C-alpha atoms as a PDB file:
ATOM      1  CA  MET A   1       0.000   0.000   0.000  1.00  0.00           C
ATOM      2  CA  MET A   2       1.343   3.409  -0.950  1.00  0.00           C
ATOM      3  CA  SER A   3       1.969   5.856   1.844  1.00  0.00           C
ATOM      4  CA  LEU A   4       2.116   9.634   1.774  1.00  0.00           C
ATOM      5  CA  THR A   5       5.836   9.257   2.491  1.00  0.00           C
ATOM      6  CA  GLU A   6       6.343   7.127  -0.630  1.00  0.00           C
ATOM      7  CA  ILE A   7       4.208   9.432  -2.796  1.00  0.00           C
ATOM      8  CA  THR A   8       6.097  12.545  -1.662  1.00  0.00           C
ATOM      9  CA  GLY A   9       9.473  10.828  -2.122  1.00  0.00           C
ATOM     10  CA  PHE A  10       8.344   9.737  -5.593  1.00  0.00           C
ATOM     11  CA  VAL A  11       7.499  13.295  -6.685  1.00  0.00           C
ATOM     12  CA  LEU A  12      10.670  14.787  -5.202  1.00  0.00           C
ATOM     13  CA  GLY A  13      12.754  12.027  -6.800  1.00  0.00           C
ATOM     14  CA  LEU A  14      11.409  12.762 -10.269  1.00  0.00           C
ATOM     15  CA  VAL A  15      11.990  16.496  -9.953  1.00  0.00           C
ATOM     16  CA  MET A  16      15.474  15.828  -8.566  1.00  0.00           C
ATOM     17  CA  VAL A  17      16.554  13.781 -11.592  1.00  0.00           C
ATOM     18  CA  VAL A  18      15.176  16.354 -14.032  1.00  0.00           C
ATOM     19  CA  CYS A  19      17.207  19.012 -12.197  1.00  0.00           C
ATOM     20  CA  SER A  20      20.320  16.796 -12.417  1.00  0.00           C
ATOM     21  CA  ILE A  21      19.853  16.297 -16.143  1.00  0.00           C
ATOM     22  CA  LEU A  22      19.516  20.057 -16.588  1.00  0.00           C
ATOM     23  CA  GLU A  23      22.552  20.636 -14.312  1.00  0.00           C
ATOM     24  CA  LEU A  24      20.481  22.633 -11.821  1.00  0.00           C
ATOM     25  CA  HIS A  25      22.017  22.629  -8.358  1.00  0.00           C
ATOM     26  CA  TRP A  26      18.510  22.343  -6.862  1.00  0.00           C
ATOM     27  CA  SER A  27      18.750  18.628  -7.564  1.00  0.00           C
ATOM     28  CA  TRP A  28      20.879  18.258  -4.446  1.00  0.00           C
ATOM     29  CA  PRO A  29      18.489  19.609  -1.758  1.00  0.00           C
ATOM     30  CA  LEU A  30      15.686  17.676  -3.472  1.00  0.00           C
ATOM     31  CA  ALA A  31      17.889  14.583  -3.238  1.00  0.00           C
ATOM     32  CA  ILE A  32      18.283  15.146   0.494  1.00  0.00           C
ATOM     33  CA  ALA A  33      14.528  15.430   1.051  1.00  0.00           C
ATOM     34  CA  SER A  34      13.664  12.475  -1.188  1.00  0.00           C
ATOM     35  CA  SER A  35      16.375  10.315   0.389  1.00  0.00           C
ATOM     36  CA  LEU A  36      15.178  11.000   3.912  1.00  0.00           C
ATOM     37  CA  LEU A  37      11.619  10.071   2.949  1.00  0.00           C
ATOM     38  CA  TYR A  38      12.718   6.916   1.170  1.00  0.00           C
ATOM     39  CA  PHE A  39      14.774   5.887   4.202  1.00  0.00           C
ATOM     40  CA  PHE A  40      11.474   5.213   5.976  1.00  0.00           C
ATOM     41  CA  VAL A  41       9.862   3.536   2.969  1.00  0.00           C
ATOM     42  CA  PHE A  42      12.761   1.105   2.557  1.00  0.00           C
ATOM     43  CA  LYS A  43      13.243   0.485   6.286  1.00  0.00           C
ATOM     44  CA  ASP A  44       9.591  -0.511   6.595  1.00  0.00           C
ATOM     45  CA  SER A  45      10.057  -2.916   3.641  1.00  0.00           C
ATOM     46  CA  LEU A  46      13.134  -4.584   5.208  1.00  0.00           C
ATOM     47  CA  LEU A  47      15.366  -3.212   2.468  1.00  0.00           C
ATOM     48  CA  TYR A  48      18.064  -2.147   4.878  1.00  0.00           C
ATOM     49  CA  GLY A  49      20.771  -1.653   2.269  1.00  0.00           C
ATOM     50  CA  GLU A  50      18.507   0.722   0.374  1.00  0.00           C
ATOM     51  CA  ALA A  51      17.446   2.404   3.637  1.00  0.00           C
ATOM     52  CA  GLY A  52      21.034   2.923   4.748  1.00  0.00           C
ATOM     53  CA  LEU A  53      21.894   4.124   1.274  1.00  0.00           C
ATOM     54  CA  GLN A  54      19.325   6.906   1.615  1.00  0.00           C
ATOM     55  CA  ILE A  55      21.172   8.295   4.650  1.00  0.00           C
ATOM     56  CA  VAL A  56      24.447   8.117   2.734  1.00  0.00           C
ATOM     57  CA  PHE A  57      22.721   9.774  -0.246  1.00  0.00           C
ATOM     58  CA  ALA A  58      21.593  12.644   1.969  1.00  0.00           C
ATOM     59  CA  ALA A  59      25.184  13.164   3.152  1.00  0.00           C
ATOM     60  CA  LEU A  60      26.599  12.789  -0.375  1.00  0.00           C
ATOM     61  CA  ALA A  61      24.012  15.273  -1.635  1.00  0.00           C
ATOM     62  CA  LEU A  62      25.526  17.912   0.639  1.00  0.00           C
ATOM     63  CA  TRP A  63      28.919  17.160  -0.927  1.00  0.00           C
ATOM     64  CA  GLY A  64      27.452  17.160  -4.467  1.00  0.00           C
ATOM     65  CA  TRP A  65      25.671  20.446  -3.835  1.00  0.00           C
ATOM     66  CA  TRP A  66      28.954  22.011  -2.698  1.00  0.00           C
ATOM     67  CA  GLN A  67      30.769  20.538  -5.733  1.00  0.00           C
ATOM     68  CA  TRP A  68      28.244  21.999  -8.145  1.00  0.00           C
ATOM     69  CA  LEU A  69      28.134  25.428  -6.488  1.00  0.00           C
ATOM     70  CA  ARG A  70      31.907  25.916  -6.279  1.00  0.00           C
ATOM     71  CA  LYS A  71      33.358  28.551  -8.546  1.00  0.00           C
ATOM     72  CA  GLY A  72      36.771  28.574 -10.164  1.00  0.00           C
ATOM     73  CA  ASP A  73      39.180  31.510 -10.174  1.00  0.00           C
ATOM     74  CA  ASP A  74      37.329  32.948 -13.175  1.00  0.00           C
ATOM     75  CA  ALA A  75      33.960  32.797 -11.317  1.00  0.00           C
ATOM     76  CA  GLN A  76      32.845  29.969 -13.616  1.00  0.00           C
ATOM     77  CA  PRO A  77      31.594  26.659 -12.230  1.00  0.00           C
ATOM     78  CA  ALA A  78      34.537  24.559 -11.090  1.00  0.00           C
ATOM     79  CA  LEU A  79      32.990  21.431 -12.604  1.00  0.00           C
ATOM     80  CA  VAL A  80      31.956  20.766 -16.170  1.00  0.00           C
ATOM     81  CA  ILE A  81      30.634  17.591 -17.761  1.00  0.00           C
ATOM     82  CA  GLN A  82      33.570  15.292 -18.445  1.00  0.00           C
ATOM     83  CA  ARG A  83      34.392  11.725 -19.444  1.00  0.00           C
ATOM     84  CA  LEU A  84      35.747   9.193 -17.019  1.00  0.00           C
ATOM     85  CA  PRO A  85      39.336   8.263 -17.918  1.00  0.00           C
ATOM     86  CA  THR A  86      40.339   4.609 -18.303  1.00  0.00           C
ATOM     87  CA  ARG A  87      41.897   4.638 -14.846  1.00  0.00           C
ATOM     88  CA  GLY A  88      38.581   5.894 -13.476  1.00  0.00           C
ATOM     89  CA  TRP A  89      36.721   2.976 -15.056  1.00  0.00           C
ATOM     90  CA  TRP A  90      39.092   0.558 -13.350  1.00  0.00           C
ATOM     91  CA  LEU A  91      38.449   2.297 -10.051  1.00  0.00           C
ATOM     92  CA  VAL A  92      34.680   2.074 -10.619  1.00  0.00           C
ATOM     93  CA  LEU A  93      34.939  -1.665 -11.310  1.00  0.00           C
ATOM     94  CA  ILE A  94      37.187  -2.384  -8.323  1.00  0.00           C
ATOM     95  CA  VAL A  95      35.118  -0.324  -5.881  1.00  0.00           C
ATOM     96  CA  SER A  96      31.892  -1.927  -7.138  1.00  0.00           C
ATOM     97  CA  ALA A  97      33.382  -5.424  -6.907  1.00  0.00           C
ATOM     98  CA  LEU A  98      34.458  -4.792  -3.312  1.00  0.00           C
ATOM     99  CA  LEU A  99      31.360  -2.944  -2.125  1.00  0.00           C
ATOM    100  CA  TRP A 100      28.753  -5.414  -3.366  1.00  0.00           C
ATOM    101  CA  PRO A 101      29.853  -8.511  -1.396  1.00  0.00           C
ATOM    102  CA  THR A 102      30.848  -6.429   1.616  1.00  0.00           C
ATOM    103  CA  LEU A 103      27.407  -4.848   1.856  1.00  0.00           C
ATOM    104  CA  ALA A 104      25.666  -8.154   1.101  1.00  0.00           C
ATOM    105  CA  LEU A 105      27.516  -9.945   3.895  1.00  0.00           C
ATOM    106  CA  LEU A 106      26.779  -7.133   6.327  1.00  0.00           C
ATOM    107  CA  LEU A 107      23.090  -7.265   5.452  1.00  0.00           C
ATOM    108  CA  GLN A 108      23.074 -11.058   5.650  1.00  0.00           C
ATOM    109  CA  HIS A 109      24.680 -11.203   9.090  1.00  0.00           C
ATOM    110  CA  PHE A 110      23.312  -8.110  10.813  1.00  0.00           C
ATOM    111  CA  THR A 111      19.759  -7.695   9.509  1.00  0.00           C
ATOM    112  CA  ASP A 112      16.698  -9.793   8.797  1.00  0.00           C
ATOM    113  CA  SER A 113      16.856  -8.897   5.087  1.00  0.00           C
ATOM    114  CA  ASP A 114      15.428 -11.591   2.845  1.00  0.00           C
ATOM    115  CA  VAL A 115      17.181 -10.237  -0.253  1.00  0.00           C
ATOM    116  CA  ALA A 116      20.615  -9.241   1.062  1.00  0.00           C
ATOM    117  CA  TRP A 117      22.572  -9.796  -2.173  1.00  0.00           C
ATOM    118  CA  TRP A 118      19.951  -8.138  -4.402  1.00  0.00           C
ATOM    119  CA  ASP A 119      19.619  -5.254  -1.963  1.00  0.00           C
ATOM    120  CA  ALA A 120      23.400  -4.810  -1.806  1.00  0.00           C
ATOM    121  CA  LEU A 121      24.006  -4.687  -5.578  1.00  0.00           C
ATOM    122  CA  PRO A 122      22.054  -1.517  -6.411  1.00  0.00           C
ATOM    123  CA  THR A 123      23.202  -0.057  -3.106  1.00  0.00           C
ATOM    124  CA  ALA A 124      26.875  -0.507  -4.028  1.00  0.00           C
ATOM    125  CA  LEU A 125      26.391   0.748  -7.571  1.00  0.00           C
ATOM    126  CA  SER A 126      24.357   3.722  -6.349  1.00  0.00           C
ATOM    127  CA  LEU A 127      27.264   4.882  -4.212  1.00  0.00           C
ATOM    128  CA  VAL A 128      29.487   4.774  -7.287  1.00  0.00           C
ATOM    129  CA  GLY A 129      26.872   6.521  -9.427  1.00  0.00           C
ATOM    130  CA  GLN A 130      26.382   9.271  -6.876  1.00  0.00           C
ATOM    131  CA  ALA A 131      30.128   9.943  -6.690  1.00  0.00           C
ATOM    132  CA  LEU A 132      30.316  10.138 -10.495  1.00  0.00           C
ATOM    133  CA  LEU A 133      27.310  12.476 -10.643  1.00  0.00           C
ATOM    134  CA  GLY A 134      28.831  14.714  -7.973  1.00  0.00           C
ATOM    135  CA  ARG A 135      31.934  15.139 -10.141  1.00  0.00           C
ATOM    136  CA  LYS A 136      29.876  15.502 -13.362  1.00  0.00           C
ATOM    137  CA  TYR A 137      31.234  12.416 -15.092  1.00  0.00           C
ATOM    138  CA  ILE A 138      28.865  11.584 -17.945  1.00  0.00           C
ATOM    139  CA  GLU A 139      29.225   7.870 -17.171  1.00  0.00           C
ATOM    140  CA  ASN A 140      27.141   8.370 -14.021  1.00  0.00           C
ATOM    141  CA  TRP A 141      24.091   7.937 -16.283  1.00  0.00           C
ATOM    142  CA  LEU A 142      25.281   4.482 -17.381  1.00  0.00           C
ATOM    143  CA  VAL A 143      25.739   3.401 -13.777  1.00  0.00           C
ATOM    144  CA  TRP A 144      22.275   4.756 -12.906  1.00  0.00           C
ATOM    145  CA  LEU A 145      20.796   2.859 -15.845  1.00  0.00           C
ATOM    146  CA  VAL A 146      22.073  -0.430 -14.404  1.00  0.00           C
ATOM    147  CA  VAL A 147      20.996   0.526 -10.862  1.00  0.00           C
ATOM    148  CA  ASN A 148      17.514   1.476 -11.999  1.00  0.00           C
ATOM    149  CA  VAL A 149      16.894  -1.700 -14.017  1.00  0.00           C
ATOM    150  CA  ILE A 150      17.943  -3.871 -11.058  1.00  0.00           C
ATOM    151  CA  SER A 151      15.911  -1.739  -8.661  1.00  0.00           C
ATOM    152  CA  VAL A 152      12.702  -2.109 -10.681  1.00  0.00           C
ATOM    153  CA  ALA A 153      12.894  -5.872 -10.198  1.00  0.00           C
ATOM    154  CA  LEU A 154      13.817  -5.562  -6.521  1.00  0.00           C
ATOM    155  CA  PHE A 155      10.990  -3.158  -5.697  1.00  0.00           C
ATOM    156  CA  ALA A 156       8.480  -5.240  -7.681  1.00  0.00           C
ATOM    157  CA  HIS A 157       9.533  -8.245  -5.598  1.00  0.00           C
ATOM    158  CA  LYS A 158       8.847  -6.194  -2.467  1.00  0.00           C
ATOM    159  CA  GLY A 159       5.488  -4.887  -3.729  1.00  0.00           C
ATOM    160  CA  LEU A 160       6.609  -1.253  -3.725  1.00  0.00           C
ATOM    161  CA  TRP A 161       4.663  -0.526  -6.883  1.00  0.00           C
ATOM    162  CA  LEU A 162       4.888   3.263  -6.894  1.00  0.00           C
ATOM    163  CA  THR A 163       8.624   3.073  -6.240  1.00  0.00           C
ATOM    164  CA  CYS A 164       8.837   0.447  -8.993  1.00  0.00           C
ATOM    165  CA  VAL A 165       7.220   2.955 -11.377  1.00  0.00           C
ATOM    166  CA  LEU A 166       9.621   5.641 -10.133  1.00  0.00           C
ATOM    167  CA  TYR A 167      12.655   3.510 -10.925  1.00  0.00           C
ATOM    168  CA  ALA A 168      11.214   2.539 -14.313  1.00  0.00           C
ATOM    169  CA  LEU A 169      10.951   6.275 -14.999  1.00  0.00           C
ATOM    170  CA  PHE A 170      14.474   6.728 -13.623  1.00  0.00           C
ATOM    171  CA  THR A 171      15.614   4.102 -16.162  1.00  0.00           C
ATOM    172  CA  LEU A 172      14.221   6.201 -19.009  1.00  0.00           C
ATOM    173  CA  MET A 173      15.589   9.370 -17.418  1.00  0.00           C
ATOM    174  CA  SER A 174      19.062   7.780 -17.256  1.00  0.00           C
ATOM    175  CA  VAL A 175      18.996   7.431 -21.032  1.00  0.00           C
ATOM    176  CA  TRP A 176      17.691  10.998 -21.352  1.00  0.00           C
ATOM    177  CA  GLY A 177      20.421  12.268 -18.995  1.00  0.00           C
ATOM    178  CA  TRP A 178      23.106  10.445 -20.977  1.00  0.00           C
ATOM    179  CA  ARG A 179      21.890  11.974 -24.239  1.00  0.00           C
ATOM    180  CA  VAL A 180      21.579  15.526 -22.866  1.00  0.00           C
ATOM    181  CA  TRP A 181      24.986  15.430 -21.192  1.00  0.00           C
ATOM    182  CA  GLN A 182      26.563  13.838 -24.270  1.00  0.00           C
ATOM    183  CA  ALA A 183      25.219  16.686 -26.433  1.00  0.00           C
ATOM    184  CA  ARG A 184      26.548  19.274 -23.970  1.00  0.00           C
ATOM    185  CA  LEU A 185      29.932  17.568 -23.864  1.00  0.00           C
ATOM    186  CA  LYS A 186      30.131  17.537 -27.672  1.00  0.00           C
ATOM    187  CA  ALA A 187      29.080  21.205 -27.845  1.00  0.00           C
ATOM    188  CA  ALA A 188      31.799  22.143 -25.343  1.00  0.00           C
ATOM    189  CA  HIS A 189      34.470  20.112 -27.208  1.00  0.00           C
ATOM    190  CA  PRO A 190      33.581  20.127 -30.920  1.00  0.00           C
END
């Protein structure tokens, strides 16, 4: 059954992603609000990895907000859309490969989660995606695409139908975000 908390988090989540795609710094305070609401939704559904992730998201959103608002010496934004270098891809793969089993084992041993490994996978990848978004790496949209596809299945399994719809929309928005940022990157570096 959908709660007011889930409905409000749903709306804020959609607006947040649109703001991220458009590179509007307002995405970050919306992320904080949506994350705090979804903490309760996921906790009540025994998705402890996702619940814990929402608290981390709220903290990372403060960092992302600061990153996006910083100005360089020329008063221009310090960050611009950029590509992840090969070394960065290796780091993404290594961090993801370490985080997933670590989080899964923690959830398995310290919670009553019935989907510890499936909860841990999008949780681990979301941390990576959020870090990439905070630094404006275009590849964040690819990571979010994977996270969102996995999350649709996970939330359907848990009967969180509105959140399932949200993550299906996030899947489409990940493709949209990739295309918009790719066009901006090409325009900046013809």
